Amino acid sequence: MASLKEIKVRIASIRSTQKIASAMKMVSSAKLHHTQALAEHTQLYAGKLSAILNALLASACEWDSPFVRQRDVKRVAIVVFSSSSGLCGTFNVNVWKELSACLIDYNNRNIAVSLYPIGKKIADELHKAGYATTDDFIHMGEKPSFEGAVSLATELMELYASGKADQVELLYHHFKSMASQILVKKIFLPVSIQALEEEGASGSVRADYILEPSAEDVQTLLLPKLLNLTVYTTMLDTATAEHAARMMAMQTANDNANDLIRRLTLQYNKTRQQAITNELLDIAGGIG
């Protein structure tokens, strides 16, 4: 049985760890509110931009863009988003499991894969597994910026337009709620015209735009802008989900610490009471 001193040291150690967990929870909470508000505003802007493209599509405008051309998939580029720090539960583990399954599937289908890790955790896992990666954007997710998103989106668009990739995919966590972050895998390129048509058809009111100089020129301008925003909103979504996952992990750690402190306090009191009883028995035996 542990001595009273050992139990007291352990309780003090757990309380110190609990203070760290509480501080990390508060930091993550502040960051969460900031990124969540930014993500909502950016998604609203991206939705309005998408609505304009839907209206152009509904007006029977022909799409002539290298980013909408479908090709046989022989080469795939995967942009995978994770965190650069730990203590966020199963956030990074789930990303690695899903990515591993995708890589095995593409390998069985003889499809070449190019990997673009965003976040040190997933990059480390890929390096340990022996995969070749493009590491130019690893630290981009730590402080999401529109300029960084544009640089990544530009490289992906050039990769697809040049034929070095027949499909570009994004693998990331979508923030649904504080307790739920959904792992999402979606096709970034080629842009699905059918999806845009369905989204445009879902609106009850269609805007009648007067376009100058032409619908085709507006398309050429807006489609890359929408792709840039897609990458940026994905980065913000991932950051929001990461902070939410870390908040939940720190809350769980705090609750576990409270339970452990209660059990150790009970053990301490029992041990102390037993020691007092033994001393009284010794005294009584000496008197007798």
Protein backbone atom coordinates (compact mmCIF):
# COMPACT_ATOMS: atom_id res chain seq x y z
CA MET A 1 0.00 0.00 0.00
CA ALA A 2 1.27 3.50 -0.88
CA SER A 3 2.37 5.73 1.96
CA LEU A 4 0.63 8.97 2.87
CA LYS A 5 3.50 11.00 1.42
CA GLU A 6 3.37 9.13 -1.92
CA ILE A 7 -0.38 9.70 -2.19
CA LYS A 8 -0.01 13.42 -1.43
CA VAL A 9 2.74 13.78 -4.07
CA ARG A 10 0.59 12.02 -6.63
CA ILE A 11 -2.44 14.22 -5.89
CA ALA A 12 -0.28 17.35 -6.23
CA SER A 13 1.10 16.09 -9.55
CA ILE A 14 -2.38 15.41 -10.93
CA ARG A 15 -3.59 18.86 -9.87
CA SER A 16 -0.64 20.47 -11.67
CA THR A 17 -1.47 18.50 -14.83
CA GLN A 18 -5.12 19.50 -14.45
CA LYS A 19 -4.15 23.19 -14.40
CA ILE A 20 -2.24 22.74 -17.66
CA ALA A 21 -5.21 20.96 -19.25
CA SER A 22 -7.56 23.75 -18.14
CA ALA A 23 -5.26 26.41 -19.57
CA MET A 24 -5.01 24.57 -22.89
CA LYS A 25 -8.79 24.27 -22.99
CA MET A 26 -9.21 28.02 -22.55
CA VAL A 27 -6.63 28.76 -25.27
CA SER A 28 -8.33 26.35 -27.67
CA SER A 29 -11.70 27.90 -26.85
CA ALA A 30 -10.48 31.38 -27.78
CA LYS A 31 -8.91 30.12 -31.01
CA LEU A 32 -12.04 28.14 -31.82
CA HIS A 33 -14.35 31.15 -31.64
CA HIS A 34 -11.99 33.16 -33.85
CA THR A 35 -11.56 30.52 -36.58
CA GLN A 36 -15.23 29.53 -36.47
CA ALA A 37 -16.38 33.11 -37.10
CA LEU A 38 -13.82 33.52 -39.88
CA ALA A 39 -14.85 30.23 -41.48
CA GLU A 40 -18.54 31.16 -41.41
CA HIS A 41 -17.91 34.52 -43.08
CA THR A 42 -15.65 32.96 -45.72
CA GLN A 43 -18.15 30.19 -46.47
CA LEU A 44 -20.88 32.79 -46.88
CA TYR A 45 -18.75 34.65 -49.43
CA ALA A 46 -17.88 31.40 -51.22
CA GLY A 47 -21.57 30.50 -51.33
CA LYS A 48 -22.43 33.80 -53.04
CA LEU A 49 -19.63 33.26 -55.54
CA SER A 50 -20.86 29.74 -56.24
CA ALA A 51 -24.37 31.11 -56.78
CA ILE A 52 -23.06 33.40 -59.53
CA LEU A 53 -21.40 30.45 -61.26
CA ASN A 54 -24.62 28.46 -60.92
CA ALA A 55 -26.53 31.30 -62.56
CA LEU A 56 -24.04 31.33 -65.43
CA LEU A 57 -24.47 27.59 -65.83
CA ALA A 58 -28.25 27.93 -65.79
CA SER A 59 -28.04 30.52 -68.58
CA ALA A 60 -26.73 27.81 -70.94
CA CYS A 61 -23.26 29.26 -70.94
CA GLU A 62 -20.67 26.81 -72.24
CA TRP A 63 -17.94 25.75 -69.87
CA ASP A 64 -14.52 25.90 -71.43
CA SER A 65 -12.03 25.48 -68.63
CA PRO A 66 -9.21 22.99 -68.08
CA PHE A 67 -10.48 22.56 -64.53
CA VAL A 68 -13.77 20.91 -65.56
CA ARG A 69 -12.40 18.40 -68.06
CA GLN A 70 -12.79 14.82 -66.94
CA ARG A 71 -9.94 12.36 -67.60
CA ASP A 72 -9.23 8.72 -66.89
CA VAL A 73 -7.78 8.63 -63.40
CA LYS A 74 -4.22 7.29 -63.47
CA ARG A 75 -2.56 9.87 -61.23
CA VAL A 76 -4.10 11.32 -58.07
CA ALA A 77 -2.90 14.16 -55.86
CA ILE A 78 -4.14 14.04 -52.26
CA VAL A 79 -3.96 17.09 -50.01
CA VAL A 80 -4.33 15.78 -46.47
CA PHE A 81 -4.91 18.10 -43.51
CA SER A 82 -3.94 17.37 -39.90
CA SER A 83 -2.71 19.33 -36.89
CA SER A 84 0.89 20.26 -36.19
CA SER A 85 0.55 19.57 -32.46
CA GLY A 86 -0.94 16.76 -30.43
CA LEU A 87 -3.29 16.49 -27.44
CA CYS A 88 -6.40 16.60 -29.63
CA GLY A 89 -7.78 13.10 -29.11
CA THR A 90 -8.18 10.88 -32.17
CA PHE A 91 -8.09 13.84 -34.56
CA ASN A 92 -4.83 12.89 -36.29
CA VAL A 93 -5.27 9.13 -35.85
CA ASN A 94 -8.51 9.18 -37.84
CA VAL A 95 -6.84 11.12 -40.67
CA TRP A 96 -3.98 8.62 -40.88
CA LYS A 97 -6.34 5.61 -40.86
CA GLU A 98 -8.43 7.03 -43.69
CA LEU A 99 -5.39 8.04 -45.71
CA SER A 100 -3.80 4.61 -45.27
CA ALA A 101 -6.95 2.96 -46.59
CA CYS A 102 -6.98 5.31 -49.60
CA LEU A 103 -3.32 4.63 -50.38
CA ILE A 104 -3.85 0.87 -50.23
CA ASP A 105 -6.88 1.15 -52.50
CA TYR A 106 -5.05 3.27 -55.09
CA ASN A 107 -2.05 0.96 -54.97
CA ASN A 108 -4.28 -2.03 -55.70
CA ARG A 109 -5.74 -0.13 -58.67
CA ASN A 110 -2.26 0.84 -59.97
CA ILE A 111 -2.96 4.56 -59.53
CA ALA A 112 0.04 6.79 -58.81
CA VAL A 113 -0.42 9.09 -55.81
CA SER A 114 1.19 12.45 -55.00
CA LEU A 115 0.88 13.52 -51.37
CA TYR A 116 0.64 17.07 -50.05
CA PRO A 117 0.58 16.97 -46.22
CA ILE A 118 -0.69 20.03 -44.35
CA GLY A 119 0.35 19.61 -40.71
CA LYS A 120 3.41 18.06 -39.09
CA LYS A 121 1.56 15.10 -37.58
CA ILE A 122 0.42 13.57 -40.85
CA ALA A 123 3.72 14.47 -42.51
CA ASP A 124 5.62 12.57 -39.80
CA GLU A 125 3.41 9.51 -40.26
CA LEU A 126 3.95 9.55 -44.03
CA HIS A 127 7.70 9.91 -43.63
CA LYS A 128 7.81 7.03 -41.14
CA ALA A 129 5.86 4.86 -43.58
CA GLY A 130 8.34 5.71 -46.36
CA TYR A 131 6.05 7.73 -48.62
CA ALA A 132 7.42 10.54 -50.77
CA THR A 133 5.68 13.83 -50.06
CA THR A 134 5.70 17.45 -51.18
CA ASP A 135 6.58 19.31 -47.99
CA ASP A 136 6.30 22.91 -49.15
CA PHE A 137 3.00 23.49 -47.35
CA ILE A 138 3.39 21.51 -44.10
CA HIS A 139 3.25 24.53 -41.77
CA MET A 140 0.50 26.35 -43.64
CA GLY A 141 -2.27 25.02 -41.41
CA GLU A 142 -0.79 26.45 -38.21
CA LYS A 143 -1.85 29.98 -39.16
CA PRO A 144 -4.32 29.75 -42.08
CA SER A 145 -4.03 32.67 -44.47
CA PHE A 146 -5.66 33.42 -47.79
CA GLU A 147 -2.26 34.06 -49.40
CA GLY A 148 -1.08 30.60 -48.37
CA ALA A 149 -4.30 29.05 -49.66
CA VAL A 150 -3.84 30.79 -53.00
CA SER A 151 -0.29 29.46 -53.35
CA LEU A 152 -1.45 25.90 -52.64
CA ALA A 153 -4.52 26.16 -54.88
CA THR A 154 -2.39 27.62 -57.69
CA GLU A 155 0.03 24.69 -57.52
CA LEU A 156 -2.84 22.20 -57.53
CA MET A 157 -4.48 23.91 -60.51
CA GLU A 158 -1.19 23.90 -62.41
CA LEU A 159 -0.70 20.26 -61.50
CA TYR A 160 -4.11 19.36 -62.92
CA ALA A 161 -3.95 21.62 -65.98
CA SER A 162 -0.54 20.22 -66.97
CA GLY A 163 -1.81 16.65 -66.80
CA LYS A 164 0.49 15.62 -63.92
CA ALA A 165 -2.62 14.71 -61.93
CA ASP A 166 -5.93 13.44 -63.27
CA GLN A 167 -7.73 14.09 -59.99
CA VAL A 168 -7.03 16.21 -56.91
CA GLU A 169 -8.61 15.27 -53.59
CA LEU A 170 -8.89 16.97 -50.21
CA LEU A 171 -8.94 14.93 -46.98
CA TYR A 172 -9.80 16.96 -43.88
CA HIS A 173 -12.04 17.26 -40.82
CA HIS A 174 -15.25 19.24 -41.10
CA PHE A 175 -16.42 21.03 -37.97
CA LYS A 176 -20.03 20.01 -37.30
CA SER A 177 -20.30 20.72 -33.59
CA MET A 178 -18.18 20.84 -30.46
CA ALA A 179 -18.55 17.09 -30.00
CA SER A 180 -18.50 16.06 -33.66
CA GLN A 181 -15.82 16.57 -36.30
CA ILE A 182 -16.53 14.66 -39.51
CA LEU A 183 -13.73 13.34 -41.69
CA VAL A 184 -14.41 14.44 -45.28
CA LYS A 185 -12.84 13.32 -48.53
CA LYS A 186 -13.90 15.34 -51.56
CA ILE A 187 -12.75 15.90 -55.12
CA PHE A 188 -11.20 19.33 -55.59
CA LEU A 189 -10.39 18.91 -59.29
CA PRO A 190 -11.94 18.43 -61.75
CA VAL A 191 -14.81 20.71 -60.81
CA SER A 192 -18.06 18.78 -61.06
CA ILE A 193 -20.48 20.56 -63.40
CA GLN A 194 -23.24 18.19 -62.33
CA ALA A 195 -22.79 19.23 -58.70
CA LEU A 196 -22.95 22.89 -59.69
CA GLU A 197 -26.08 22.22 -61.74
CA GLU A 198 -27.77 20.49 -58.81
CA GLU A 199 -26.77 23.28 -56.45
CA GLY A 200 -28.04 25.89 -58.88
CA ALA A 201 -31.30 24.03 -59.41
CA SER A 202 -31.92 23.88 -55.67
CA GLY A 203 -32.37 27.66 -55.49
CA SER A 204 -35.91 28.93 -55.81
CA VAL A 205 -34.88 32.23 -57.36
CA ARG A 206 -32.37 32.69 -60.16
CA ALA A 207 -30.50 35.95 -60.53
CA ASP A 208 -30.58 37.59 -63.95
CA TYR A 209 -27.09 39.06 -64.40
CA ILE A 210 -26.00 41.56 -67.03
CA LEU A 211 -22.44 40.47 -67.79
CA GLU A 212 -19.66 42.55 -69.23
CA PRO A 213 -17.60 41.74 -71.23
CA SER A 214 -19.00 38.16 -71.51
CA ALA A 215 -20.11 35.17 -69.49
CA GLU A 216 -17.04 33.21 -70.60
CA ASP A 217 -14.69 35.92 -69.32
CA VAL A 218 -16.51 36.02 -66.00
CA GLN A 219 -16.20 32.24 -65.74
CA THR A 220 -12.47 32.41 -66.41
CA LEU A 221 -12.14 34.92 -63.57
CA LEU A 222 -14.48 33.37 -61.01
CA LEU A 223 -13.64 29.67 -61.24
CA PRO A 224 -10.00 30.01 -60.01
CA LYS A 225 -11.23 32.41 -57.31
CA LEU A 226 -13.76 29.82 -56.15
CA LEU A 227 -11.04 27.15 -56.07
CA ASN A 228 -8.82 29.45 -54.00
CA LEU A 229 -11.68 29.98 -51.56
CA THR A 230 -12.33 26.24 -51.39
CA VAL A 231 -8.77 25.62 -50.16
CA TYR A 232 -8.97 28.53 -47.72
CA THR A 233 -12.31 27.41 -46.23
CA THR A 234 -10.93 23.88 -45.95
CA MET A 235 -7.95 25.18 -43.96
CA LEU A 236 -10.24 27.17 -41.67
CA ASP A 237 -12.60 24.22 -41.28
CA THR A 238 -9.70 21.98 -40.30
CA ALA A 239 -8.36 24.52 -37.80
CA THR A 240 -11.81 24.92 -36.23
CA ALA A 241 -12.26 21.14 -35.97
CA GLU A 242 -8.78 20.80 -34.43
CA HIS A 243 -9.49 23.37 -31.70
CA ALA A 244 -12.84 21.73 -30.95
CA ALA A 245 -11.19 18.30 -30.71
CA ARG A 246 -8.50 19.66 -28.39
CA MET A 247 -11.13 21.33 -26.19
CA MET A 248 -13.00 18.04 -25.86
CA ALA A 249 -9.77 16.15 -25.14
CA MET A 250 -8.77 18.64 -22.45
CA GLN A 251 -12.25 18.54 -20.92
CA THR A 252 -12.05 14.74 -20.80
CA ALA A 253 -8.60 14.97 -19.22
CA ASN A 254 -9.92 17.44 -16.65
CA ASP A 255 -12.85 15.15 -15.77
CA ASN A 256 -10.55 12.13 -15.48
CA ALA A 257 -8.23 14.13 -13.21
CA ASN A 258 -11.14 15.03 -10.93
CA ASP A 259 -12.17 11.38 -10.68
CA LEU A 260 -8.61 10.31 -9.95
CA ILE A 261 -8.17 13.01 -7.30
CA ARG A 262 -11.39 11.88 -5.58
CA ARG A 263 -10.22 8.26 -5.51
CA LEU A 264 -6.77 9.20 -4.23
CA THR A 265 -8.25 11.51 -1.58
CA LEU A 266 -10.46 8.68 -0.38
CA GLN A 267 -7.44 6.37 -0.31
CA TYR A 268 -5.43 8.99 1.58
CA ASN A 269 -8.15 9.40 4.21
CA LYS A 270 -8.48 5.65 4.66
CA THR A 271 -4.72 5.23 4.97
CA ARG A 272 -4.50 8.14 7.43
CA GLN A 273 -7.38 6.75 9.51
CA GLN A 274 -5.72 3.35 9.58
CA ALA A 275 -2.44 4.91 10.71
CA ILE A 276 -4.23 6.79 13.51
CA THR A 277 -6.02 3.61 14.60
CA ASN A 278 -2.72 1.70 14.69
CA GLU A 279 -1.11 4.43 16.80
CA LEU A 280 -4.02 4.36 19.26
CA LEU A 281 -3.75 0.58 19.51
CA ASP A 282 -0.02 0.87 20.16
CA ILE A 283 -0.64 3.44 22.89
CA ALA A 284 -3.39 1.33 24.44
CA GLY A 285 -1.13 -1.74 24.34
CA GLY A 286 1.69 0.16 26.03
CA ILE A 287 -0.58 1.39 28.81
CA GLY A 288 -1.92 -2.09 29.41
